[in-house]
């Protein structure tokens, strides 16, 4: 096992099951943080959400049961996890440009056997307008009990921005100044767009829009997905740490899903839940217990967790190595070896400028060969 250090997270990738240690400041949405398969937080969260929706618990992909009766499709899914999914479930990855082909904007009729799940990870921001057809077709492909595992970049407290609202007959060209999108509208007007944004490449990865959170929720509901579960909470065991408070994946369904408590926290779609800048808050922490003799790094995640203002105390004694990560609003601190040798319960307290902002109880459990 890798040695645990404050400021670093040691996690097991839920895609490839390898163990990695990485600094919390490097957990951007698209950063390849798994040392083996190079998965990002987004990719691991997509599989985490699928596990919660299908099995009601957080399983790694290697722990998924082999069940071809669970049927699903992906829209240009990442090959590293799609190949593993195909070995476990009745799942097929589809593509816009080659076989097996699926154009999510053009589904003639519902399939004879609707699917249990559909994965659309960072696809709908590239769909040509009107994008509502893609949402409606996603619902048509699923059972009433099916789940859409979904992600797009989105903004908080902002409207959806359509870059090319009148797109009709268009082509992507290149001239001396770079790429240009030329369009002829339905009413015969010629348009030209430069300063284009591409995601991960060129051509079909052209960004068509940036969603707003509230508009995204409304589009999902209109398409028949009234139940939405944001996967915005960290799951440190799988290296899931959301540095930003937006653009995280979500689950959407026509029926309620049995998602375990604590896996999501989104009170009102579109409502900002940010604390004032002068107020620090902790929303989750862990681990709440550990066997005696194990090296333990406590982690806390919340808002405005700034270095120099925070102290962590256990049993009333301050810890020396407190590390904050502004990128992930995360605080970590290593427990002293002397404490973790002895089973018992200890009060954990976090203070900001000497004022308590969080209190909990940590338990050292009897370990193998340790006195009880």
Protein backbone atom coordinates (compact mmCIF):
# COMPACT_ATOMS: atom_id res chain seq x y z
CA UNK A 1 0.00 0.00 0.00
CA UNK A 2 1.27 3.48 -0.82
CA UNK A 3 2.27 5.57 2.19
CA UNK A 4 -0.42 8.13 3.00
CA UNK A 5 0.58 11.79 3.09
CA UNK A 6 -1.42 14.88 4.08
CA UNK A 7 -2.66 16.74 1.01
CA UNK A 8 -2.60 13.53 -1.02
CA UNK A 9 -5.41 11.06 -1.63
CA UNK A 10 -4.74 7.35 -1.89
CA UNK A 11 -7.63 5.77 -3.79
CA UNK A 12 -8.67 2.66 -5.66
CA UNK A 13 -9.82 3.42 -9.20
CA UNK A 14 -13.34 2.05 -9.68
CA UNK A 15 -12.61 1.44 -13.39
CA UNK A 16 -9.36 -0.55 -13.29
CA UNK A 17 -9.05 -1.37 -9.53
CA UNK A 18 -5.48 -0.06 -9.34
CA UNK A 19 -4.31 2.00 -6.34
CA UNK A 20 -2.99 5.52 -6.90
CA UNK A 21 -1.74 8.37 -4.74
CA UNK A 22 -2.35 11.87 -6.11
CA UNK A 23 -2.35 15.40 -4.67
CA UNK A 24 -5.84 16.79 -4.12
CA UNK A 25 -4.98 19.99 -5.98
CA UNK A 26 -4.70 17.95 -9.20
CA UNK A 27 -8.24 16.57 -9.21
CA UNK A 28 -9.67 18.65 -12.03
CA UNK A 29 -12.72 17.32 -13.88
CA UNK A 30 -10.71 16.08 -16.87
CA UNK A 31 -7.29 15.50 -15.32
CA UNK A 32 -6.04 11.88 -15.77
CA UNK A 33 -5.56 11.09 -12.08
CA UNK A 34 -5.50 7.28 -12.09
CA UNK A 35 -1.88 6.18 -12.41
CA UNK A 36 -2.85 3.06 -14.37
CA UNK A 37 -5.83 3.60 -16.70
CA UNK A 38 -5.54 7.43 -16.63
CA UNK A 39 -9.21 7.88 -15.76
CA UNK A 40 -10.46 11.31 -14.72
CA UNK A 41 -12.86 12.29 -11.95
CA UNK A 42 -15.64 12.57 -14.56
CA UNK A 43 -15.08 9.03 -15.84
CA UNK A 44 -14.95 7.55 -12.36
CA UNK A 45 -18.09 9.45 -11.34
CA UNK A 46 -19.99 8.13 -14.39
CA UNK A 47 -19.24 4.53 -13.34
CA UNK A 48 -19.96 5.37 -9.70
CA UNK A 49 -23.39 6.72 -10.66
CA UNK A 50 -24.13 3.68 -12.79
CA UNK A 51 -23.28 1.39 -9.87
CA UNK A 52 -25.54 3.32 -7.49
CA UNK A 53 -28.42 3.29 -9.98
CA UNK A 54 -28.19 -0.39 -10.94
CA UNK A 55 -27.03 -2.01 -7.70
CA UNK A 56 -27.77 0.52 -4.96
CA UNK A 57 -24.18 0.54 -3.70
CA UNK A 58 -20.76 1.84 -4.75
CA UNK A 59 -19.03 -1.01 -6.59
CA UNK A 60 -15.94 -0.88 -8.73
CA UNK A 61 -16.39 -2.08 -12.29
CA UNK A 62 -14.49 -5.25 -11.41
CA UNK A 63 -17.08 -5.92 -8.67
CA UNK A 64 -20.07 -5.55 -11.03
CA UNK A 65 -21.95 -8.85 -11.35
CA UNK A 66 -21.93 -10.46 -14.79
CA UNK A 67 -25.53 -10.05 -15.93
CA UNK A 68 -26.36 -9.83 -19.64
CA UNK A 69 -29.97 -9.22 -18.69
CA UNK A 70 -29.06 -5.68 -17.66
CA UNK A 71 -29.10 -3.89 -20.99
CA UNK A 72 -27.59 -0.53 -21.78
CA UNK A 73 -25.97 1.62 -24.43
CA UNK A 74 -23.32 4.31 -24.45
CA UNK A 75 -22.92 7.31 -26.71
CA UNK A 76 -19.26 7.34 -27.76
CA UNK A 77 -18.18 6.17 -24.32
CA UNK A 78 -14.55 6.11 -23.26
CA UNK A 79 -13.06 2.88 -24.59
CA UNK A 80 -11.23 2.02 -21.36
CA UNK A 81 -14.43 1.55 -19.39
CA UNK A 82 -16.74 0.64 -22.26
CA UNK A 83 -14.75 -2.52 -23.07
CA UNK A 84 -14.94 -3.57 -19.43
CA UNK A 85 -18.67 -2.85 -19.29
CA UNK A 86 -19.27 -5.01 -22.36
CA UNK A 87 -17.65 -7.93 -20.50
CA UNK A 88 -20.03 -7.50 -17.56
CA UNK A 89 -23.45 -6.39 -18.80
CA UNK A 90 -25.63 -6.45 -21.89
CA UNK A 91 -24.07 -3.17 -22.96
CA UNK A 92 -23.11 -1.77 -26.37
CA UNK A 93 -21.12 1.36 -27.06
CA UNK A 94 -22.50 3.32 -30.04
CA UNK A 95 -21.08 6.04 -32.27
CA UNK A 96 -22.32 8.91 -34.39
CA UNK A 97 -19.91 8.31 -37.27
CA UNK A 98 -19.46 4.51 -37.46
CA UNK A 99 -21.04 1.19 -36.51
CA UNK A 100 -22.71 0.41 -34.23
CA UNK A 101 -24.21 3.76 -35.12
CA UNK A 102 -26.74 5.79 -33.14
CA UNK A 103 -27.75 9.39 -33.80
CA UNK A 104 -29.42 10.46 -30.55
CA UNK A 105 -31.22 13.27 -32.41
CA UNK A 106 -32.90 10.80 -34.76
CA UNK A 107 -34.65 7.82 -33.21
CA UNK A 108 -37.58 6.70 -35.38
CA UNK A 109 -39.40 4.75 -32.69
CA UNK A 110 -38.78 3.29 -29.25
CA UNK A 111 -36.85 -0.01 -29.36
CA UNK A 112 -38.79 -3.25 -28.99
CA UNK A 113 -36.83 -3.85 -25.79
CA UNK A 114 -36.08 -0.54 -24.04
CA UNK A 115 -32.82 -0.25 -22.14
CA UNK A 116 -32.05 -0.26 -18.43
CA UNK A 117 -29.46 2.49 -18.77
CA UNK A 118 -28.00 4.96 -21.24
CA UNK A 119 -24.66 6.71 -20.72
CA UNK A 120 -24.23 10.13 -22.33
CA UNK A 121 -21.05 11.68 -20.95
CA UNK A 122 -20.22 15.09 -22.42
CA UNK A 123 -22.17 14.47 -25.62
CA UNK A 124 -25.19 16.79 -25.55
CA UNK A 125 -23.12 19.99 -25.68
CA UNK A 126 -22.00 18.84 -29.18
CA UNK A 127 -25.46 17.99 -30.54
CA UNK A 128 -26.70 20.33 -33.26
CA UNK A 129 -29.77 22.40 -32.28
CA UNK A 130 -32.50 21.88 -31.35
CA UNK A 131 -31.03 19.79 -28.51
CA UNK A 132 -34.42 18.92 -27.00
CA UNK A 133 -34.74 16.11 -29.56
CA UNK A 134 -31.72 14.40 -27.99
CA UNK A 135 -33.26 14.58 -24.50
CA UNK A 136 -36.59 13.23 -25.76
CA UNK A 137 -34.92 10.35 -27.61
CA UNK A 138 -32.86 9.42 -24.57
CA UNK A 139 -36.12 8.94 -22.69
CA UNK A 140 -37.64 6.93 -25.57
CA UNK A 141 -34.73 4.48 -25.49
CA UNK A 142 -35.16 3.70 -21.78
CA UNK A 143 -37.57 1.64 -19.73
CA UNK A 144 -39.77 3.53 -17.31
CA UNK A 145 -37.40 2.25 -14.62
CA UNK A 146 -34.31 3.04 -16.71
CA UNK A 147 -31.65 5.58 -15.85
CA UNK A 148 -29.78 8.19 -17.88
CA UNK A 149 -26.19 8.53 -16.65
CA UNK A 150 -25.39 11.99 -17.90
CA UNK A 151 -22.83 14.77 -17.90
CA UNK A 152 -22.33 18.06 -19.71
CA UNK A 153 -20.43 21.21 -18.80
CA UNK A 154 -22.93 23.58 -17.18
CA UNK A 155 -22.94 26.94 -15.44
CA UNK A 156 -24.59 27.89 -12.16
CA UNK A 157 -27.09 30.75 -12.06
CA UNK A 158 -26.72 31.43 -15.78
CA UNK A 159 -28.86 30.72 -18.87
CA UNK A 160 -27.96 28.19 -21.53
CA UNK A 161 -25.90 29.84 -24.28
CA UNK A 162 -26.53 28.51 -27.81
CA UNK A 163 -23.54 29.40 -29.99
CA UNK A 164 -25.33 28.71 -33.30
CA UNK A 165 -29.10 28.94 -32.67
CA UNK A 166 -30.06 29.00 -36.37
CA UNK A 167 -27.84 26.13 -37.50
CA UNK A 168 -29.31 24.37 -40.55
CA UNK A 169 -27.04 23.62 -43.54
CA UNK A 170 -23.52 24.00 -42.25
CA UNK A 171 -19.93 22.96 -42.84
CA UNK A 172 -16.69 23.31 -40.94
CA UNK A 173 -13.86 24.73 -43.05
CA UNK A 174 -10.35 26.00 -42.48
CA UNK A 175 -8.64 29.05 -43.92
CA UNK A 176 -5.47 31.01 -43.14
CA UNK A 177 -6.90 32.31 -39.86
CA UNK A 178 -8.08 28.90 -38.59
CA UNK A 179 -11.35 26.99 -38.44
CA UNK A 180 -14.58 28.62 -39.54
CA UNK A 181 -18.19 27.39 -39.37
CA UNK A 182 -20.33 28.45 -42.33
CA UNK A 183 -24.10 28.08 -42.07
CA UNK A 184 -27.13 28.77 -44.23
CA UNK A 185 -30.23 29.27 -42.09
CA UNK A 186 -33.68 27.90 -42.92
CA UNK A 187 -34.70 31.32 -44.23
CA UNK A 188 -31.67 31.53 -46.56
CA UNK A 189 -29.30 33.76 -44.55
CA UNK A 190 -25.56 33.02 -44.66
CA UNK A 191 -23.68 33.02 -41.36
CA UNK A 192 -20.01 32.67 -40.52
CA UNK A 193 -18.54 31.87 -37.10
CA UNK A 194 -14.93 31.98 -35.91
CA UNK A 195 -13.23 31.60 -32.51
CA UNK A 196 -14.77 28.15 -32.22
CA UNK A 197 -14.42 25.91 -29.16
CA UNK A 198 -13.56 22.23 -29.55
CA UNK A 199 -13.46 19.56 -26.86
CA UNK A 200 -10.69 16.99 -27.11
CA UNK A 201 -10.21 17.42 -30.84
CA UNK A 202 -11.79 18.91 -33.95
CA UNK A 203 -14.77 18.35 -36.19
CA UNK A 204 -17.59 16.50 -34.41
CA UNK A 205 -16.33 17.77 -31.02
CA UNK A 206 -17.36 21.36 -31.76
CA UNK A 207 -19.05 22.95 -28.76
CA UNK A 208 -22.58 23.93 -29.76
CA UNK A 209 -23.69 25.33 -26.37
CA UNK A 210 -22.94 25.80 -22.71
CA UNK A 211 -25.84 24.70 -20.54
CA UNK A 212 -27.20 26.60 -17.57
CA UNK A 213 -28.05 24.44 -14.57
CA UNK A 214 -31.69 25.48 -14.24
CA UNK A 215 -32.36 25.20 -17.98
CA UNK A 216 -30.72 21.76 -18.01
CA UNK A 217 -33.05 20.58 -15.24
CA UNK A 218 -36.09 21.92 -17.09
CA UNK A 219 -35.10 20.18 -20.33
CA UNK A 220 -34.68 16.88 -18.51
CA UNK A 221 -38.08 17.22 -16.86
CA UNK A 222 -39.81 18.12 -20.13
CA UNK A 223 -38.25 15.04 -21.74
CA UNK A 224 -39.71 12.77 -19.05
CA UNK A 225 -36.95 12.73 -16.41
CA UNK A 226 -38.52 14.35 -13.33
CA UNK A 227 -36.10 12.66 -10.92
CA UNK A 228 -32.54 14.02 -11.06
CA UNK A 229 -29.72 13.01 -8.70
CA UNK A 230 -26.56 15.14 -8.89
CA UNK A 231 -23.42 13.11 -8.23
CA UNK A 232 -21.75 16.09 -6.59
CA UNK A 233 -20.58 14.46 -3.38
CA UNK A 234 -17.02 13.12 -3.02
CA UNK A 235 -16.35 9.41 -2.75
CA UNK A 236 -12.72 9.38 -1.70
CA UNK A 237 -12.29 5.61 -1.86
CA UNK A 238 -12.68 5.80 -5.66
CA UNK A 239 -10.81 9.08 -6.11
CA UNK A 240 -13.98 11.10 -6.72
CA UNK A 241 -13.36 14.69 -5.64
CA UNK A 242 -15.21 17.50 -7.41
CA UNK A 243 -13.04 20.60 -7.43
CA UNK A 244 -15.85 22.69 -8.99
CA UNK A 245 -19.43 23.12 -7.81
CA UNK A 246 -20.81 22.68 -11.31
CA UNK A 247 -20.52 20.40 -14.35
CA UNK A 248 -20.53 17.21 -12.29
CA UNK A 249 -22.35 14.13 -13.65
CA UNK A 250 -25.89 13.27 -12.66
CA UNK A 251 -28.50 10.52 -12.86
CA UNK A 252 -31.91 11.18 -14.41
CA UNK A 253 -34.92 8.88 -14.40
CA UNK A 254 -38.67 8.72 -14.89
CA UNK A 255 -39.10 6.94 -11.56
CA UNK A 256 -37.40 7.45 -8.18
CA UNK A 257 -34.10 5.62 -7.78
CA UNK A 258 -32.99 3.94 -4.53
CA UNK A 259 -29.84 6.06 -4.18
CA UNK A 260 -28.16 5.69 -0.77
CA UNK A 261 -28.32 8.72 1.52
CA UNK A 262 -25.30 11.00 1.33
CA UNK A 263 -24.54 10.37 -2.34
CA UNK A 264 -26.13 13.60 -3.51
CA UNK A 265 -27.06 17.00 -2.13
CA UNK A 266 -28.96 19.43 -4.29
CA UNK A 267 -31.87 21.09 -2.55
CA UNK A 268 -33.34 23.26 -5.30
CA UNK A 269 -32.26 23.02 -8.96
CA UNK A 270 -30.67 26.27 -10.04
CA UNK A 271 -30.37 27.67 -6.52
CA UNK A 272 -26.87 28.68 -5.47
CA UNK A 273 -25.95 27.17 -2.14
CA UNK A 274 -22.61 28.95 -1.74
CA UNK A 275 -21.68 30.24 1.69
CA UNK A 276 -20.62 33.86 2.15
CA UNK A 277 -16.86 34.31 1.59
CA UNK A 278 -16.23 34.90 5.30
CA UNK A 279 -17.98 31.68 6.36
CA UNK A 280 -16.31 28.26 6.20
CA UNK A 281 -18.34 25.08 6.17
CA UNK A 282 -17.70 21.34 6.13
CA UNK A 283 -20.20 19.07 4.40
CA UNK A 284 -18.48 15.67 4.61
CA UNK A 285 -15.54 14.05 6.33
CA UNK A 286 -13.95 10.66 6.76
CA UNK A 287 -12.98 8.08 7.64
CA UNK A 288 -15.17 7.93 10.76
CA UNK A 289 -13.25 4.88 12.02
CA UNK A 290 -10.20 2.74 11.30
CA UNK A 291 -8.60 -0.40 12.74
CA UNK A 292 -5.87 0.10 15.32
CA UNK A 293 -2.38 0.24 13.83
CA UNK A 294 -3.46 1.71 10.47
CA UNK A 295 -2.07 5.01 9.25
CA UNK A 296 -4.99 7.43 8.93
CA UNK A 297 -5.36 10.65 6.96
CA UNK A 298 -8.56 12.46 7.87
CA UNK A 299 -10.23 14.38 5.06
CA UNK A 300 -12.83 17.14 5.19
CA UNK A 301 -14.59 18.75 2.24
CA UNK A 302 -16.71 21.89 2.21
CA UNK A 303 -16.43 25.56 1.33
CA UNK A 304 -13.80 28.23 1.97
CA UNK A 305 -11.33 25.88 3.62
CA UNK A 306 -8.31 28.16 3.50
CA UNK A 307 -4.79 27.49 4.75
CA UNK A 308 -3.65 29.42 7.80
CA UNK A 309 -7.14 29.81 9.24
CA UNK A 310 -7.99 26.20 10.07
CA UNK A 311 -6.88 23.82 12.79
CA UNK A 312 -7.79 20.18 13.33
CA UNK A 313 -7.88 18.85 16.87
CA UNK A 314 -8.38 15.29 18.04
CA UNK A 315 -9.03 14.63 21.69
CA UNK A 316 -8.40 18.33 22.26
CA UNK A 317 -4.86 18.15 20.83
CA UNK A 318 -4.06 20.11 17.62
CA UNK A 319 -2.63 18.18 14.68
CA UNK A 320 0.55 19.48 13.11
CA UNK A 321 0.23 18.66 9.41
CA UNK A 322 -2.96 20.32 8.20
CA UNK A 323 -3.02 20.69 4.39
CA UNK A 324 -5.73 22.52 2.46
CA UNK A 325 -6.47 22.29 -1.26
CA UNK A 326 -8.21 25.40 -2.57
CA UNK A 327 -8.97 23.67 -5.89
CA UNK A 328 -11.03 20.97 -4.21
CA UNK A 329 -12.03 22.89 -1.06
CA UNK A 330 -10.56 19.98 0.87
CA UNK A 331 -8.64 19.73 4.13
CA UNK A 332 -6.51 16.74 5.13
CA UNK A 333 -4.53 15.89 8.23
CA UNK A 334 -2.64 12.80 9.42
CA UNK A 335 -3.47 11.29 12.80
CA UNK A 336 -0.47 10.61 15.06
CA UNK A 337 0.67 6.99 15.16
CA UNK A 338 0.51 7.01 18.97
CA UNK A 339 -3.24 7.67 18.90
CA UNK A 340 -4.11 5.10 16.24
CA UNK A 341 -2.39 2.33 18.19
CA UNK A 342 -5.04 2.41 20.91
CA UNK A 343 -8.71 1.47 20.35
CA UNK A 344 -11.17 4.07 21.57
CA UNK A 345 -13.36 7.02 20.60
CA UNK A 346 -11.91 10.50 20.08
CA UNK A 347 -13.53 13.87 19.43
CA UNK A 348 -12.52 15.49 16.14
CA UNK A 349 -12.88 19.25 15.89
CA UNK A 350 -12.13 21.74 13.13
CA UNK A 351 -11.74 25.38 14.06
CA UNK A 352 -11.41 28.51 11.96
CA UNK A 353 -9.64 31.40 13.64
CA UNK A 354 -10.08 29.53 16.93
CA UNK A 355 -13.88 29.20 16.49
CA UNK A 356 -15.32 25.66 16.06
CA UNK A 357 -16.96 25.01 12.69
CA UNK A 358 -17.21 21.21 12.86
CA UNK A 359 -17.27 18.46 15.52
CA UNK A 360 -17.50 14.69 15.07
CA UNK A 361 -16.42 11.41 16.66
CA UNK A 362 -13.62 9.20 15.34
CA UNK A 363 -13.27 5.58 16.48
CA UNK A 364 -10.12 3.46 16.52
CA UNK A 365 -11.37 -0.13 16.28
CA UNK A 366 -9.48 -3.13 17.62
CA UNK A 367 -7.18 -4.38 14.88
CA UNK A 368 -5.64 -7.75 14.14
CA UNK A 369 -3.24 -8.62 16.92
CA UNK A 370 -4.00 -5.40 18.81
CA UNK A 371 -5.30 -5.25 22.39
CA UNK A 372 -9.02 -4.52 22.74
